[in-house]
């Protein structure tokens, strides 16, 4: 959620606004969503939305994140390989779904909307990277991975090709492809 602006949020109104923004995003795409349409669907005033969010990008991002976080849990199976495989597979599966197409649209819109790009990086990408860092840190602590692993680089080597295929080449991203990425990267940094 954005910074503290105005009165505390009414949980019911907040939920209604987030749901409305996400539904409109799915139905019409980011470009067609407006604060007026969100307010109308949520049955709140525009002023209520602007009390809690500085702009359309922020409320739409919160709606998207609220829906996406429920679909992308952080696994903890006791195996770094299995955890990263599940995390990357869940992300790839989400990104190739109808909802994931919104994810790609947000990335595209971020090329011309710097506020949206910044919100996306700080509120979606960075937290996902922290999740991966946590999984790999557990792997290092359990001595499954080498001690001096460049976690940021390994994250890029696993997740970067997924984004590359989705955004650039259009090549298929399936569970087999994700498993190959995880196997190659983690295979090179296993402690044994």
N, C-alpha and C. Protein backbone atom coordinates (compact mmCIF):
# COMPACT_ATOMS: atom_id res chain seq x y z
N UNK A 1 0.83 -1.17 0.00
CA UNK A 1 0.00 0.00 0.00
C UNK A 1 0.88 1.24 0.00
N UNK A 2 0.33 2.31 -0.46
CA UNK A 2 1.07 3.56 -0.52
C UNK A 2 1.24 4.14 0.88
N UNK A 3 1.94 5.27 0.96
CA UNK A 3 2.21 5.92 2.23
C UNK A 3 0.95 6.36 2.93
N UNK A 4 1.10 6.85 4.14
CA UNK A 4 -0.05 7.23 4.96
C UNK A 4 -0.57 8.58 4.48
N UNK A 5 -1.76 8.55 3.89
CA UNK A 5 -2.42 9.77 3.42
C UNK A 5 -3.83 9.76 3.99
N UNK A 6 -4.23 10.83 4.65
CA UNK A 6 -5.61 10.93 5.11
C UNK A 6 -5.93 9.98 6.24
N UNK A 7 -7.24 9.71 6.38
CA UNK A 7 -7.73 8.84 7.44
C UNK A 7 -7.35 7.38 7.19
N UNK A 8 -7.43 6.55 8.24
CA UNK A 8 -7.21 5.12 8.04
C UNK A 8 -8.21 4.56 7.04
N UNK A 9 -7.80 3.56 6.33
CA UNK A 9 -8.65 2.98 5.30
C UNK A 9 -9.78 2.16 5.88
N UNK A 10 -10.94 2.27 5.25
CA UNK A 10 -12.06 1.40 5.54
C UNK A 10 -11.77 0.11 4.79
N UNK A 11 -11.66 -1.00 5.51
CA UNK A 11 -11.25 -2.27 4.91
C UNK A 11 -12.19 -2.70 3.80
N UNK A 12 -13.48 -2.52 4.00
CA UNK A 12 -14.46 -2.90 2.98
C UNK A 12 -14.30 -2.05 1.72
N UNK A 13 -14.15 -0.74 1.89
CA UNK A 13 -13.96 0.14 0.73
C UNK A 13 -12.65 -0.18 0.02
N UNK A 14 -11.61 -0.41 0.79
CA UNK A 14 -10.30 -0.75 0.21
C UNK A 14 -10.40 -2.02 -0.62
N UNK A 15 -11.01 -3.04 -0.06
CA UNK A 15 -11.17 -4.31 -0.78
C UNK A 15 -11.97 -4.11 -2.06
N UNK A 16 -13.01 -3.33 -1.98
CA UNK A 16 -13.86 -3.06 -3.14
C UNK A 16 -13.07 -2.32 -4.23
N UNK A 17 -12.25 -1.37 -3.83
CA UNK A 17 -11.44 -0.61 -4.79
C UNK A 17 -10.41 -1.52 -5.45
N UNK A 18 -9.73 -2.33 -4.65
CA UNK A 18 -8.71 -3.23 -5.20
C UNK A 18 -9.34 -4.24 -6.16
N UNK A 19 -10.48 -4.80 -5.77
CA UNK A 19 -11.17 -5.75 -6.64
C UNK A 19 -11.61 -5.08 -7.93
N UNK A 20 -12.18 -3.89 -7.81
CA UNK A 20 -12.65 -3.17 -9.00
C UNK A 20 -11.49 -2.86 -9.94
N UNK A 21 -10.38 -2.40 -9.40
CA UNK A 21 -9.24 -2.06 -10.27
C UNK A 21 -8.70 -3.31 -10.98
N UNK A 22 -8.66 -4.43 -10.26
CA UNK A 22 -8.15 -5.66 -10.87
C UNK A 22 -9.12 -6.19 -11.92
N UNK A 23 -10.41 -6.17 -11.63
CA UNK A 23 -11.40 -6.62 -12.61
C UNK A 23 -11.34 -5.79 -13.88
N UNK A 24 -11.25 -4.47 -13.73
CA UNK A 24 -11.17 -3.58 -14.89
C UNK A 24 -9.88 -3.83 -15.67
N UNK A 25 -8.80 -4.07 -14.95
CA UNK A 25 -7.53 -4.38 -15.59
C UNK A 25 -7.65 -5.63 -16.45
N UNK A 26 -8.26 -6.68 -15.91
CA UNK A 26 -8.45 -7.92 -16.66
C UNK A 26 -9.39 -7.72 -17.85
N UNK A 27 -10.45 -6.96 -17.65
CA UNK A 27 -11.45 -6.78 -18.70
C UNK A 27 -10.97 -5.88 -19.84
N UNK A 28 -10.26 -4.80 -19.49
CA UNK A 28 -9.99 -3.76 -20.48
C UNK A 28 -8.52 -3.46 -20.72
N UNK A 29 -7.63 -3.92 -19.87
CA UNK A 29 -6.22 -3.56 -20.00
C UNK A 29 -5.93 -2.26 -19.28
N UNK A 30 -4.66 -2.05 -18.98
CA UNK A 30 -4.23 -0.91 -18.17
C UNK A 30 -4.64 0.42 -18.78
N UNK A 31 -4.43 0.58 -20.07
CA UNK A 31 -4.71 1.86 -20.72
C UNK A 31 -6.15 2.31 -20.60
N UNK A 32 -7.08 1.38 -20.54
CA UNK A 32 -8.50 1.73 -20.50
C UNK A 32 -9.03 1.94 -19.08
N UNK A 33 -8.25 1.57 -18.08
CA UNK A 33 -8.69 1.74 -16.70
C UNK A 33 -8.53 3.21 -16.31
N UNK A 34 -9.54 3.75 -15.67
CA UNK A 34 -9.47 5.13 -15.16
C UNK A 34 -9.91 5.12 -13.70
N UNK A 35 -9.53 6.15 -12.98
CA UNK A 35 -9.96 6.28 -11.59
C UNK A 35 -11.48 6.43 -11.55
N UNK A 36 -12.06 7.12 -12.53
CA UNK A 36 -13.53 7.25 -12.59
C UNK A 36 -14.19 5.87 -12.67
N UNK A 37 -13.67 5.01 -13.54
CA UNK A 37 -14.25 3.67 -13.71
C UNK A 37 -14.07 2.82 -12.45
N UNK A 38 -12.91 2.95 -11.81
CA UNK A 38 -12.67 2.21 -10.56
C UNK A 38 -13.67 2.67 -9.50
N UNK A 39 -13.82 3.98 -9.37
CA UNK A 39 -14.74 4.53 -8.36
C UNK A 39 -16.17 4.07 -8.62
N UNK A 40 -16.56 4.09 -9.88
CA UNK A 40 -17.92 3.67 -10.23
C UNK A 40 -18.13 2.19 -9.90
N UNK A 41 -17.19 1.34 -10.30
CA UNK A 41 -17.33 -0.10 -10.04
C UNK A 41 -17.29 -0.39 -8.55
N UNK A 42 -16.43 0.30 -7.81
CA UNK A 42 -16.27 0.05 -6.37
C UNK A 42 -17.35 0.75 -5.54
N UNK A 43 -18.11 1.61 -6.19
CA UNK A 43 -19.16 2.39 -5.51
C UNK A 43 -18.59 3.25 -4.39
N UNK A 44 -17.50 3.94 -4.74
CA UNK A 44 -16.89 4.92 -3.84
C UNK A 44 -16.63 6.19 -4.65
N UNK A 45 -16.28 7.25 -3.97
CA UNK A 45 -15.96 8.48 -4.68
C UNK A 45 -14.51 8.46 -5.16
N UNK A 46 -14.22 9.25 -6.19
CA UNK A 46 -12.83 9.40 -6.63
C UNK A 46 -11.97 9.94 -5.50
N UNK A 47 -12.57 10.83 -4.69
CA UNK A 47 -11.83 11.42 -3.58
C UNK A 47 -11.35 10.33 -2.61
N UNK A 48 -12.17 9.30 -2.40
CA UNK A 48 -11.77 8.19 -1.53
C UNK A 48 -10.54 7.50 -2.09
N UNK A 49 -10.53 7.27 -3.39
CA UNK A 49 -9.37 6.62 -4.01
C UNK A 49 -8.14 7.50 -3.88
N UNK A 50 -8.28 8.79 -4.19
CA UNK A 50 -7.13 9.70 -4.13
C UNK A 50 -6.66 9.98 -2.71
N UNK A 51 -7.50 9.71 -1.71
CA UNK A 51 -7.05 9.83 -0.33
C UNK A 51 -6.00 8.78 -0.01
N UNK A 52 -6.16 7.60 -0.64
CA UNK A 52 -5.32 6.47 -0.30
C UNK A 52 -4.26 6.15 -1.34
N UNK A 53 -4.43 6.56 -2.57
CA UNK A 53 -3.46 6.31 -3.63
C UNK A 53 -3.19 7.60 -4.39
N UNK A 54 -1.94 7.85 -4.78
CA UNK A 54 -1.61 9.11 -5.45
C UNK A 54 -2.05 9.18 -6.92
N UNK A 55 -2.25 8.01 -7.55
CA UNK A 55 -2.60 8.02 -8.98
C UNK A 55 -3.16 6.66 -9.39
N UNK A 56 -3.60 6.60 -10.63
CA UNK A 56 -4.17 5.36 -11.18
C UNK A 56 -3.16 4.22 -11.12
N UNK A 57 -1.92 4.48 -11.49
CA UNK A 57 -0.90 3.42 -11.51
C UNK A 57 -0.78 2.75 -10.15
N UNK A 58 -0.81 3.53 -9.08
CA UNK A 58 -0.64 2.97 -7.73
C UNK A 58 -1.81 2.08 -7.34
N UNK A 59 -3.04 2.52 -7.60
CA UNK A 59 -4.20 1.71 -7.21
C UNK A 59 -4.29 0.46 -8.08
N UNK A 60 -3.99 0.59 -9.37
CA UNK A 60 -4.03 -0.58 -10.25
C UNK A 60 -2.94 -1.57 -9.84
N UNK A 61 -1.76 -1.06 -9.51
CA UNK A 61 -0.67 -1.94 -9.07
C UNK A 61 -1.06 -2.67 -7.79
N UNK A 62 -1.68 -1.97 -6.85
CA UNK A 62 -2.11 -2.64 -5.61
C UNK A 62 -3.16 -3.70 -5.90
N UNK A 63 -4.09 -3.41 -6.80
CA UNK A 63 -5.10 -4.41 -7.16
C UNK A 63 -4.46 -5.63 -7.78
N UNK A 64 -3.50 -5.40 -8.67
CA UNK A 64 -2.78 -6.49 -9.32
C UNK A 64 -1.99 -7.30 -8.29
N UNK A 65 -1.26 -6.61 -7.43
CA UNK A 65 -0.43 -7.30 -6.44
C UNK A 65 -1.27 -8.09 -5.45
N UNK A 66 -2.40 -7.53 -5.08
CA UNK A 66 -3.30 -8.23 -4.16
C UNK A 66 -3.74 -9.56 -4.74
N UNK A 67 -4.09 -9.56 -6.02
CA UNK A 67 -4.53 -10.79 -6.68
C UNK A 67 -3.35 -11.73 -6.94
N UNK A 68 -2.23 -11.19 -7.39
CA UNK A 68 -1.08 -12.01 -7.77
C UNK A 68 -0.43 -12.69 -6.57
N UNK A 69 -0.35 -12.01 -5.43
CA UNK A 69 0.36 -12.58 -4.29
C UNK A 69 -0.30 -13.87 -3.80
N UNK A 70 -1.60 -13.96 -3.94
CA UNK A 70 -2.30 -15.18 -3.53
C UNK A 70 -1.94 -16.36 -4.44
N UNK A 71 -1.54 -16.08 -5.66
CA UNK A 71 -1.23 -17.13 -6.63
C UNK A 71 0.25 -17.50 -6.67
N UNK A 72 1.08 -16.74 -5.95
CA UNK A 72 2.52 -16.98 -6.00
C UNK A 72 3.10 -17.18 -4.60
N UNK A 73 2.73 -18.27 -3.93
CA UNK A 73 3.26 -18.51 -2.59
C UNK A 73 4.76 -18.83 -2.63
N UNK A 74 5.43 -18.62 -1.52
CA UNK A 74 6.86 -18.93 -1.41
C UNK A 74 6.99 -20.32 -0.82
N UNK A 75 7.48 -21.27 -1.62
CA UNK A 75 7.59 -22.64 -1.12
C UNK A 75 8.73 -22.81 -0.11
N UNK A 76 8.58 -23.78 0.77
CA UNK A 76 9.62 -24.15 1.72
C UNK A 76 9.52 -25.66 1.96
N UNK A 77 10.06 -26.42 0.99
CA UNK A 77 9.96 -27.87 1.02
C UNK A 77 11.10 -28.54 1.77
N UNK A 78 12.15 -27.75 2.07
CA UNK A 78 13.34 -28.34 2.68
C UNK A 78 14.42 -28.62 1.65
N UNK A 79 14.13 -28.34 0.37
CA UNK A 79 15.10 -28.54 -0.71
C UNK A 79 15.18 -27.26 -1.53
N UNK A 80 16.38 -26.70 -1.63
CA UNK A 80 16.53 -25.46 -2.39
C UNK A 80 16.15 -25.68 -3.86
N UNK A 81 16.51 -26.83 -4.43
CA UNK A 81 16.17 -27.11 -5.81
C UNK A 81 14.66 -27.13 -5.99
N UNK A 82 13.96 -27.86 -5.14
CA UNK A 82 12.50 -27.96 -5.25
C UNK A 82 11.83 -26.62 -5.01
N UNK A 83 12.34 -25.85 -4.05
CA UNK A 83 11.75 -24.54 -3.75
C UNK A 83 11.90 -23.58 -4.93
N UNK A 84 13.10 -23.51 -5.50
CA UNK A 84 13.31 -22.61 -6.65
C UNK A 84 12.51 -23.11 -7.85
N UNK A 85 12.49 -24.41 -8.06
CA UNK A 85 11.72 -24.96 -9.17
C UNK A 85 10.23 -24.61 -9.04
N UNK A 86 9.67 -24.78 -7.85
CA UNK A 86 8.26 -24.44 -7.63
C UNK A 86 8.02 -22.95 -7.80
N UNK A 87 8.90 -22.13 -7.23
CA UNK A 87 8.75 -20.67 -7.31
C UNK A 87 8.79 -20.22 -8.76
N UNK A 88 9.79 -20.66 -9.51
CA UNK A 88 9.93 -20.25 -10.92
C UNK A 88 8.80 -20.81 -11.78
N UNK A 89 8.39 -22.04 -11.52
CA UNK A 89 7.30 -22.65 -12.28
C UNK A 89 5.99 -21.92 -12.03
N UNK A 90 5.71 -21.61 -10.76
CA UNK A 90 4.49 -20.87 -10.43
C UNK A 90 4.49 -19.51 -11.11
N UNK A 91 5.64 -18.83 -11.11
CA UNK A 91 5.71 -17.54 -11.75
C UNK A 91 5.49 -17.67 -13.26
N UNK A 92 6.14 -18.63 -13.89
CA UNK A 92 5.98 -18.83 -15.34
C UNK A 92 4.54 -19.19 -15.68
N UNK A 93 3.94 -20.05 -14.88
CA UNK A 93 2.54 -20.44 -15.09
C UNK A 93 1.63 -19.23 -14.98
N UNK A 94 1.88 -18.40 -13.97
CA UNK A 94 1.08 -17.19 -13.78
C UNK A 94 1.26 -16.24 -14.97
N UNK A 95 2.49 -16.05 -15.40
CA UNK A 95 2.76 -15.10 -16.47
C UNK A 95 2.21 -15.54 -17.82
N UNK A 96 1.98 -16.82 -18.00
CA UNK A 96 1.42 -17.30 -19.27
C UNK A 96 -0.10 -17.46 -19.20
N UNK A 97 -0.69 -17.08 -18.07
CA UNK A 97 -2.15 -17.12 -17.92
C UNK A 97 -2.75 -15.81 -18.40
N UNK A 98 -4.07 -15.73 -18.41
CA UNK A 98 -4.73 -14.47 -18.79
C UNK A 98 -4.29 -13.35 -17.85
N UNK A 99 -4.24 -13.65 -16.56
CA UNK A 99 -3.81 -12.65 -15.59
C UNK A 99 -2.36 -12.23 -15.84
N UNK A 100 -1.55 -13.18 -16.24
CA UNK A 100 -0.15 -12.87 -16.53
C UNK A 100 0.01 -11.97 -17.72
N UNK A 101 -0.92 -12.03 -18.66
CA UNK A 101 -0.83 -11.13 -19.81
C UNK A 101 -0.94 -9.68 -19.34
N UNK A 102 -1.64 -9.45 -18.24
CA UNK A 102 -1.72 -8.12 -17.64
C UNK A 102 -0.35 -7.72 -17.12
N UNK A 103 0.34 -8.68 -16.54
CA UNK A 103 1.70 -8.48 -16.04
C UNK A 103 2.58 -7.95 -17.18
N UNK A 104 2.48 -8.59 -18.34
CA UNK A 104 3.29 -8.17 -19.49
C UNK A 104 2.84 -6.79 -19.99
N UNK A 105 1.55 -6.52 -19.92
CA UNK A 105 1.06 -5.20 -20.33
C UNK A 105 1.59 -4.11 -19.40
N UNK A 106 1.63 -4.42 -18.10
CA UNK A 106 2.16 -3.45 -17.14
C UNK A 106 3.62 -3.15 -17.45
N UNK A 107 4.39 -4.18 -17.79
CA UNK A 107 5.79 -3.95 -18.16
C UNK A 107 5.85 -3.04 -19.39
N UNK A 108 5.01 -3.32 -20.38
CA UNK A 108 4.98 -2.49 -21.59
C UNK A 108 4.57 -1.06 -21.29
N UNK A 109 3.52 -0.87 -20.51
CA UNK A 109 3.06 0.47 -20.15
C UNK A 109 4.12 1.22 -19.36
N UNK A 110 4.90 0.46 -18.59
CA UNK A 110 5.96 1.07 -17.80
C UNK A 110 7.04 1.74 -18.64
N UNK A 111 7.09 1.39 -19.92
CA UNK A 111 8.07 2.01 -20.81
C UNK A 111 7.73 3.48 -21.08
N UNK A 112 6.44 3.85 -20.94
CA UNK A 112 6.03 5.23 -21.17
C UNK A 112 5.47 5.89 -19.91
N UNK A 113 5.27 5.12 -18.86
CA UNK A 113 4.73 5.64 -17.60
C UNK A 113 5.74 5.33 -16.50
N UNK A 114 6.59 6.31 -16.19
CA UNK A 114 7.68 6.07 -15.24
C UNK A 114 7.17 5.76 -13.84
N UNK A 115 6.02 6.32 -13.45
CA UNK A 115 5.46 6.02 -12.12
C UNK A 115 5.05 4.56 -12.04
N UNK A 116 4.45 4.05 -13.11
CA UNK A 116 4.05 2.64 -13.14
C UNK A 116 5.29 1.75 -13.13
N UNK A 117 6.29 2.10 -13.92
CA UNK A 117 7.52 1.30 -13.97
C UNK A 117 8.18 1.23 -12.60
N UNK A 118 8.25 2.36 -11.91
CA UNK A 118 8.87 2.38 -10.59
C UNK A 118 8.04 1.57 -9.59
N UNK A 119 6.72 1.73 -9.63
CA UNK A 119 5.85 0.95 -8.73
C UNK A 119 6.02 -0.54 -9.00
N UNK A 120 6.09 -0.92 -10.26
CA UNK A 120 6.24 -2.33 -10.62
C UNK A 120 7.58 -2.88 -10.11
N UNK A 121 8.65 -2.13 -10.32
CA UNK A 121 9.96 -2.60 -9.86
C UNK A 121 10.02 -2.73 -8.35
N UNK A 122 9.58 -1.68 -7.65
CA UNK A 122 9.74 -1.68 -6.20
C UNK A 122 8.72 -2.54 -5.48
N UNK A 123 7.53 -2.71 -6.06
CA UNK A 123 6.48 -3.40 -5.33
C UNK A 123 6.19 -4.79 -5.84
N UNK A 124 6.73 -5.15 -7.02
CA UNK A 124 6.54 -6.53 -7.50
C UNK A 124 7.88 -7.23 -7.71
N UNK A 125 8.73 -6.66 -8.54
CA UNK A 125 9.99 -7.33 -8.89
C UNK A 125 10.91 -7.47 -7.68
N UNK A 126 11.18 -6.39 -6.96
CA UNK A 126 12.10 -6.47 -5.82
C UNK A 126 11.62 -7.44 -4.74
N UNK A 127 10.34 -7.44 -4.37
CA UNK A 127 9.90 -8.45 -3.39
C UNK A 127 10.07 -9.89 -3.89
N UNK A 128 9.83 -10.14 -5.19
CA UNK A 128 10.04 -11.50 -5.72
C UNK A 128 11.52 -11.87 -5.65
N UNK A 129 12.40 -10.91 -5.93
CA UNK A 129 13.84 -11.18 -5.83
C UNK A 129 14.23 -11.49 -4.38
N UNK A 130 13.60 -10.79 -3.43
CA UNK A 130 13.87 -11.07 -2.02
C UNK A 130 13.40 -12.46 -1.63
N UNK A 131 12.28 -12.90 -2.22
CA UNK A 131 11.81 -14.26 -1.97
C UNK A 131 12.85 -15.28 -2.44
N UNK A 132 13.38 -15.07 -3.64
CA UNK A 132 14.39 -15.98 -4.18
C UNK A 132 15.65 -15.94 -3.31
N UNK A 133 16.04 -14.74 -2.88
CA UNK A 133 17.20 -14.61 -1.99
C UNK A 133 16.98 -15.43 -0.72
N UNK A 134 15.79 -15.34 -0.15
CA UNK A 134 15.48 -16.11 1.06
C UNK A 134 15.58 -17.61 0.83
N UNK A 135 15.07 -18.07 -0.29
CA UNK A 135 15.14 -19.49 -0.62
C UNK A 135 16.60 -19.93 -0.76
N UNK A 136 17.39 -19.14 -1.48
CA UNK A 136 18.80 -19.51 -1.68
C UNK A 136 19.60 -19.39 -0.39
N UNK A 137 19.30 -18.38 0.43
CA UNK A 137 19.97 -18.28 1.73
C UNK A 137 19.71 -19.53 2.57
N UNK A 138 18.47 -20.03 2.54
CA UNK A 138 18.18 -21.28 3.26
C UNK A 138 19.01 -22.43 2.69
N UNK A 139 19.15 -22.46 1.37
CA UNK A 139 19.96 -23.50 0.73
C UNK A 139 21.43 -23.42 1.14
N UNK A 140 21.93 -22.20 1.30
CA UNK A 140 23.32 -22.02 1.75
C UNK A 140 23.44 -22.48 3.21
N UNK A 141 22.49 -22.08 4.05
CA UNK A 141 22.52 -22.48 5.46
C UNK A 141 22.44 -23.99 5.62
N UNK A 142 21.69 -24.65 4.75
CA UNK A 142 21.56 -26.12 4.83
C UNK A 142 22.71 -26.80 4.08
N UNK A 143 23.65 -26.01 3.60
CA UNK A 143 24.84 -26.48 2.88
C UNK A 143 24.49 -27.22 1.59
N UNK A 144 23.38 -26.86 0.98
CA UNK A 144 23.02 -27.40 -0.33
C UNK A 144 23.72 -26.62 -1.44
N UNK A 145 24.01 -25.34 -1.16
CA UNK A 145 24.67 -24.47 -2.14
C UNK A 145 26.00 -23.99 -1.59
N UNK A 146 26.91 -23.64 -2.51
CA UNK A 146 28.20 -23.09 -2.11
C UNK A 146 27.99 -21.83 -1.29
N UNK A 147 28.93 -21.56 -0.36
CA UNK A 147 28.80 -20.43 0.55
C UNK A 147 28.86 -19.07 -0.13
N UNK A 148 29.69 -18.92 -1.12
CA UNK A 148 29.92 -17.59 -1.72
C UNK A 148 29.24 -17.48 -3.08
N UNK A 149 27.97 -17.78 -3.10
CA UNK A 149 27.18 -17.74 -4.33
C UNK A 149 26.73 -16.30 -4.57
N UNK A 150 26.78 -15.87 -5.80
CA UNK A 150 26.23 -14.56 -6.19
C UNK A 150 24.74 -14.78 -6.45
N UNK A 151 23.95 -14.57 -5.41
CA UNK A 151 22.52 -14.87 -5.47
C UNK A 151 21.82 -14.00 -6.52
N UNK A 152 22.18 -12.74 -6.61
CA UNK A 152 21.54 -11.85 -7.60
C UNK A 152 21.80 -12.36 -9.02
N UNK A 153 23.02 -12.78 -9.29
CA UNK A 153 23.35 -13.30 -10.63
C UNK A 153 22.58 -14.59 -10.90
N UNK A 154 22.55 -15.48 -9.93
CA UNK A 154 21.81 -16.75 -10.10
C UNK A 154 20.33 -16.49 -10.35
N UNK A 155 19.77 -15.52 -9.65
CA UNK A 155 18.36 -15.14 -9.85
C UNK A 155 18.16 -14.67 -11.28
N UNK A 156 19.06 -13.81 -11.77
CA UNK A 156 18.97 -13.33 -13.15
C UNK A 156 19.09 -14.47 -14.15
N UNK A 157 19.98 -15.43 -13.87
CA UNK A 157 20.19 -16.55 -14.79
C UNK A 157 18.98 -17.49 -14.86
N UNK A 158 18.22 -17.57 -13.79
CA UNK A 158 17.02 -18.43 -13.80
C UNK A 158 15.82 -17.67 -14.36
N UNK A 159 15.55 -16.49 -13.83
CA UNK A 159 14.32 -15.77 -14.16
C UNK A 159 14.45 -14.90 -15.42
N UNK A 160 15.65 -14.41 -15.70
CA UNK A 160 15.85 -13.56 -16.87
C UNK A 160 15.42 -14.23 -18.18
N UNK A 161 15.82 -15.47 -18.43
CA UNK A 161 15.41 -16.13 -19.67
C UNK A 161 13.89 -16.30 -19.81
N UNK A 162 13.21 -16.43 -18.68
CA UNK A 162 11.74 -16.54 -18.73
C UNK A 162 11.16 -15.23 -19.25
N UNK A 163 11.60 -14.12 -18.67
CA UNK A 163 11.14 -12.81 -19.14
C UNK A 163 11.54 -12.59 -20.60
N UNK A 164 12.75 -12.99 -20.96
CA UNK A 164 13.23 -12.81 -22.33
C UNK A 164 12.31 -13.52 -23.33
N UNK A 165 11.97 -14.76 -23.02
CA UNK A 165 11.07 -15.49 -23.93
C UNK A 165 9.69 -14.84 -23.99
N UNK A 166 9.18 -14.44 -22.85
CA UNK A 166 7.83 -13.87 -22.82
C UNK A 166 7.77 -12.50 -23.51
N UNK A 167 8.81 -11.69 -23.32
CA UNK A 167 8.77 -10.31 -23.81
C UNK A 167 9.44 -10.10 -25.16
N UNK A 168 10.37 -10.97 -25.53
CA UNK A 168 11.16 -10.72 -26.74
C UNK A 168 10.93 -11.78 -27.81
N UNK A 169 11.23 -13.03 -27.50
CA UNK A 169 11.20 -14.04 -28.56
C UNK A 169 9.83 -14.64 -28.79
N UNK A 170 9.00 -14.68 -27.74
CA UNK A 170 7.70 -15.33 -27.85
C UNK A 170 7.79 -16.85 -27.82
N UNK A 171 9.00 -17.38 -27.58
CA UNK A 171 9.15 -18.84 -27.48
C UNK A 171 8.40 -19.36 -26.27
N UNK A 172 8.08 -20.63 -26.33
CA UNK A 172 7.29 -21.29 -25.30
C UNK A 172 8.01 -21.27 -23.95
N UNK A 173 7.24 -21.02 -22.89
CA UNK A 173 7.73 -21.11 -21.52
C UNK A 173 6.85 -22.14 -20.84
N UNK A 174 7.41 -23.33 -20.63
CA UNK A 174 6.65 -24.39 -19.98
C UNK A 174 7.45 -24.96 -18.82
N UNK A 175 6.88 -25.95 -18.15
CA UNK A 175 7.53 -26.51 -16.97
C UNK A 175 8.87 -27.16 -17.30
N UNK A 176 8.97 -27.79 -18.47
CA UNK A 176 10.23 -28.42 -18.88
C UNK A 176 11.33 -27.37 -19.04
N UNK A 177 11.00 -26.25 -19.68
CA UNK A 177 11.97 -25.18 -19.87
C UNK A 177 12.44 -24.63 -18.52
N UNK A 178 11.51 -24.38 -17.62
CA UNK A 178 11.86 -23.85 -16.30
C UNK A 178 12.73 -24.85 -15.55
N UNK A 179 12.40 -26.13 -15.63
CA UNK A 179 13.20 -27.14 -14.95
C UNK A 179 14.63 -27.17 -15.50
N UNK A 180 14.78 -27.01 -16.82
CA UNK A 180 16.12 -26.96 -17.41
C UNK A 180 16.92 -25.77 -16.86
N UNK A 181 16.28 -24.61 -16.78
CA UNK A 181 16.97 -23.43 -16.24
C UNK A 181 17.43 -23.67 -14.81
N UNK A 182 16.52 -24.15 -13.98
CA UNK A 182 16.85 -24.36 -12.56
C UNK A 182 17.94 -25.42 -12.42
N UNK A 183 17.84 -26.50 -13.18
CA UNK A 183 18.83 -27.57 -13.13
C UNK A 183 20.22 -27.06 -13.51
N UNK A 184 20.30 -26.29 -14.60
CA UNK A 184 21.62 -25.79 -15.05
C UNK A 184 22.23 -24.81 -14.06
N UNK A 185 21.42 -23.87 -13.58
CA UNK A 185 21.97 -22.85 -12.68
C UNK A 185 22.31 -23.44 -11.32
N UNK A 186 21.37 -24.16 -10.71
CA UNK A 186 21.65 -24.70 -9.39
C UNK A 186 22.69 -25.81 -9.44
N UNK A 187 22.73 -26.52 -10.55
CA UNK A 187 23.76 -27.56 -10.69
C UNK A 187 25.16 -27.01 -10.60
N UNK A 188 25.33 -25.78 -11.06
CA UNK A 188 26.68 -25.18 -11.04
C UNK A 188 27.05 -24.58 -9.70
N UNK A 189 26.11 -24.46 -8.78
CA UNK A 189 26.42 -23.85 -7.49
C UNK A 189 26.13 -24.76 -6.30
N UNK A 190 25.83 -26.03 -6.59
CA UNK A 190 25.62 -26.99 -5.49
C UNK A 190 26.91 -27.18 -4.72
N UNK A 191 26.79 -27.39 -3.43
CA UNK A 191 27.99 -27.55 -2.60
C UNK A 191 28.60 -28.92 -2.71
N UNK A 192 27.83 -29.88 -3.15
CA UNK A 192 28.35 -31.27 -3.24
C UNK A 192 28.81 -31.57 -4.65
